[in-house]
Amino acid sequence: MPTRSRTELSRLVDTEFRTDPTVELTDKQWSLIEDLFPWEPPAPQGGRPKAKPRACFNGIMWVLRTGARWKDLPEKYPPKSTCHDRLKEWSESGLFDQALERLLRALEESEILDLTETFADGTFASAKKEVNRLDRHAVAKELRL
């Protein structure tokens, strides 16, 4: 196996996965959902500005697309805690679902995506295992004679 120089290794480590397609929204895609995520610049008296929503959304999409851990989020995105907090906030308020729905609708209208028939595969769902374990607990709690 050939050895790599320190420069080659650092270049590989500092870059994202080379096989992953771009996960960042285009300007056109962002314009479809921008109104859902208003951003205010810092106040004149100062203070730390909030991270821009587009950067957070792109960071969230990177994690969802790659399946990577939050701690592996590249430095070009806001901090992992900020992106994670925004995902939680946006999910609880329903904004994230609205944004995804708008983006999917745009893809469907441009005939890039056809959602007339979809399905979910539960092959790897952990709920199957959980149901069996709960059944055993319920039996164990019955009175013994």
Protein backbone atom coordinates (compact mmCIF):
# COMPACT_ATOMS: atom_id res chain seq x y z
CA MET A 1 0.00 0.00 0.00
CA PRO A 2 1.53 3.34 -1.01
CA THR A 3 2.10 5.85 1.76
CA ARG A 4 0.79 9.38 1.52
CA SER A 5 2.60 12.53 2.47
CA ARG A 6 1.40 14.65 5.39
CA THR A 7 0.20 17.30 2.93
CA GLU A 8 -1.90 14.79 1.01
CA LEU A 9 -3.45 13.44 4.22
CA SER A 10 -4.29 16.88 5.59
CA ARG A 11 -5.89 17.81 2.26
CA LEU A 12 -8.06 14.70 2.39
CA VAL A 13 -9.07 15.23 6.01
CA ASP A 14 -9.96 18.90 5.53
CA THR A 15 -12.33 18.21 2.66
CA GLU A 16 -15.82 16.77 2.66
CA PHE A 17 -16.67 13.36 1.31
CA ARG A 18 -15.71 13.39 -2.33
CA THR A 19 -18.51 11.06 -3.43
CA ASP A 20 -21.36 13.10 -1.93
CA PRO A 21 -23.34 15.35 -4.23
CA THR A 22 -23.81 18.98 -3.33
CA VAL A 23 -26.30 19.36 -0.51
CA GLU A 24 -26.49 23.15 -0.38
CA LEU A 25 -29.56 24.94 -1.63
CA THR A 26 -29.31 26.98 -4.79
CA ASP A 27 -30.40 30.63 -4.73
CA LYS A 28 -33.62 29.67 -6.49
CA GLN A 29 -34.38 26.92 -3.95
CA TRP A 30 -33.62 29.24 -1.03
CA SER A 31 -35.94 31.91 -2.46
CA LEU A 32 -38.81 29.39 -2.16
CA ILE A 33 -38.40 29.06 1.61
CA GLU A 34 -36.58 32.22 2.65
CA ASP A 35 -39.72 33.86 4.05
CA LEU A 36 -40.12 31.01 6.57
CA PHE A 37 -36.79 31.82 8.21
CA PRO A 38 -36.46 35.57 8.83
CA TRP A 39 -33.06 36.86 9.93
CA GLU A 40 -32.36 40.06 11.78
CA PRO A 41 -28.93 41.70 11.71
CA PRO A 42 -27.31 42.45 15.07
CA ALA A 43 -28.66 45.38 17.04
CA PRO A 44 -26.77 48.72 16.79
CA GLN A 45 -25.65 48.41 20.42
CA GLY A 46 -23.84 45.20 19.50
CA GLY A 47 -24.16 41.66 20.68
CA ARG A 48 -23.51 38.37 19.03
CA PRO A 49 -25.45 38.01 15.77
CA LYS A 50 -27.56 34.91 15.24
CA ALA A 51 -26.30 32.52 12.62
CA LYS A 52 -27.97 33.02 9.27
CA PRO A 53 -30.81 30.58 8.64
CA ARG A 54 -29.60 29.57 5.19
CA ALA A 55 -26.24 28.45 6.56
CA CYS A 56 -27.98 26.50 9.34
CA PHE A 57 -30.42 24.90 6.88
CA ASN A 58 -27.52 23.85 4.64
CA GLY A 59 -25.70 22.41 7.67
CA ILE A 60 -28.79 20.45 8.68
CA MET A 61 -29.19 19.14 5.15
CA TRP A 62 -25.53 18.11 5.09
CA VAL A 63 -26.00 16.00 8.23
CA LEU A 64 -29.25 14.49 6.95
CA ARG A 65 -27.81 13.75 3.51
CA THR A 66 -24.51 12.26 4.64
CA GLY A 67 -25.78 10.50 7.75
CA ALA A 68 -22.78 11.90 9.60
CA ARG A 69 -22.71 12.80 13.28
CA TRP A 70 -23.35 16.40 14.28
CA LYS A 71 -19.79 16.65 15.57
CA ASP A 72 -18.54 15.92 12.03
CA LEU A 73 -20.29 18.97 10.56
CA PRO A 74 -17.72 20.83 8.40
CA GLU A 75 -16.48 24.18 9.67
CA LYS A 76 -18.00 26.05 6.73
CA TYR A 77 -21.39 25.67 8.46
CA PRO A 78 -22.43 27.25 11.77
CA PRO A 79 -21.52 25.33 14.96
CA LYS A 80 -23.10 21.91 15.37
CA SER A 81 -25.03 23.00 18.46
CA THR A 82 -26.56 25.93 16.56
CA CYS A 83 -27.62 23.76 13.62
CA HIS A 84 -29.01 21.10 15.93
CA ASP A 85 -30.91 23.68 18.01
CA ARG A 86 -32.38 25.24 14.86
CA LEU A 87 -33.48 21.83 13.56
CA LYS A 88 -35.21 21.15 16.88
CA GLU A 89 -36.83 24.61 16.93
CA TRP A 90 -37.93 24.46 13.29
CA SER A 91 -39.21 20.89 13.61
CA GLU A 92 -41.27 21.65 16.70
CA SER A 93 -42.80 24.73 15.08
CA GLY A 94 -43.49 22.91 11.80
CA LEU A 95 -41.26 25.25 9.75
CA PHE A 96 -38.90 22.50 8.66
CA ASP A 97 -41.76 20.40 7.30
CA GLN A 98 -43.19 23.44 5.48
CA ALA A 99 -39.81 24.17 3.91
CA LEU A 100 -39.33 20.58 2.74
CA GLU A 101 -42.87 20.51 1.39
CA ARG A 102 -42.27 23.67 -0.67
CA LEU A 103 -39.01 22.30 -2.03
CA LEU A 104 -40.58 18.95 -2.92
CA ARG A 105 -43.57 20.66 -4.53
CA ALA A 106 -41.20 22.73 -6.70
CA LEU A 107 -39.40 19.57 -7.81
CA GLU A 108 -42.71 17.91 -8.56
CA GLU A 109 -43.99 20.90 -10.56
CA SER A 110 -40.82 20.93 -12.64
CA GLU A 111 -41.33 17.19 -13.23
CA ILE A 112 -38.00 16.28 -11.66
CA LEU A 113 -39.76 14.30 -8.95
CA ASP A 114 -42.95 12.25 -9.08
CA LEU A 115 -44.62 11.78 -5.69
CA THR A 116 -47.80 10.10 -6.93
CA GLU A 117 -46.63 6.81 -5.44
CA THR A 118 -44.31 6.60 -2.47
CA PHE A 119 -43.65 4.11 0.29
CA ALA A 120 -41.69 3.82 3.50
CA ASP A 121 -39.48 0.86 4.21
CA GLY A 122 -39.57 -0.20 7.85
CA THR A 123 -37.03 -2.98 7.50
CA PHE A 124 -34.59 -1.33 9.86
CA ALA A 125 -37.14 0.30 12.18
CA SER A 126 -36.23 -0.31 15.80
CA ALA A 127 -39.91 -0.15 16.74
CA LYS A 128 -40.27 -3.83 15.84
CA LYS A 129 -37.82 -4.78 18.55
CA GLU A 130 -39.34 -2.34 21.02
CA VAL A 131 -42.83 -3.83 20.64
CA ASN A 132 -41.61 -7.31 21.57
CA ARG A 133 -39.72 -6.00 24.57
CA LEU A 134 -42.77 -4.08 25.80
CA ASP A 135 -44.92 -7.20 25.48
CA ARG A 136 -42.54 -9.12 27.72
CA HIS A 137 -42.63 -6.36 30.36
CA ALA A 138 -46.41 -6.37 30.37
CA VAL A 139 -46.49 -10.13 30.98
CA ALA A 140 -43.89 -9.88 33.71
CA LYS A 141 -46.04 -7.37 35.62
CA GLU A 142 -49.00 -9.73 35.95
CA LEU A 143 -49.70 -11.24 39.33
CA ARG A 144 -48.20 -14.63 39.88
CA LEU A 145 -50.19 -17.30 41.73
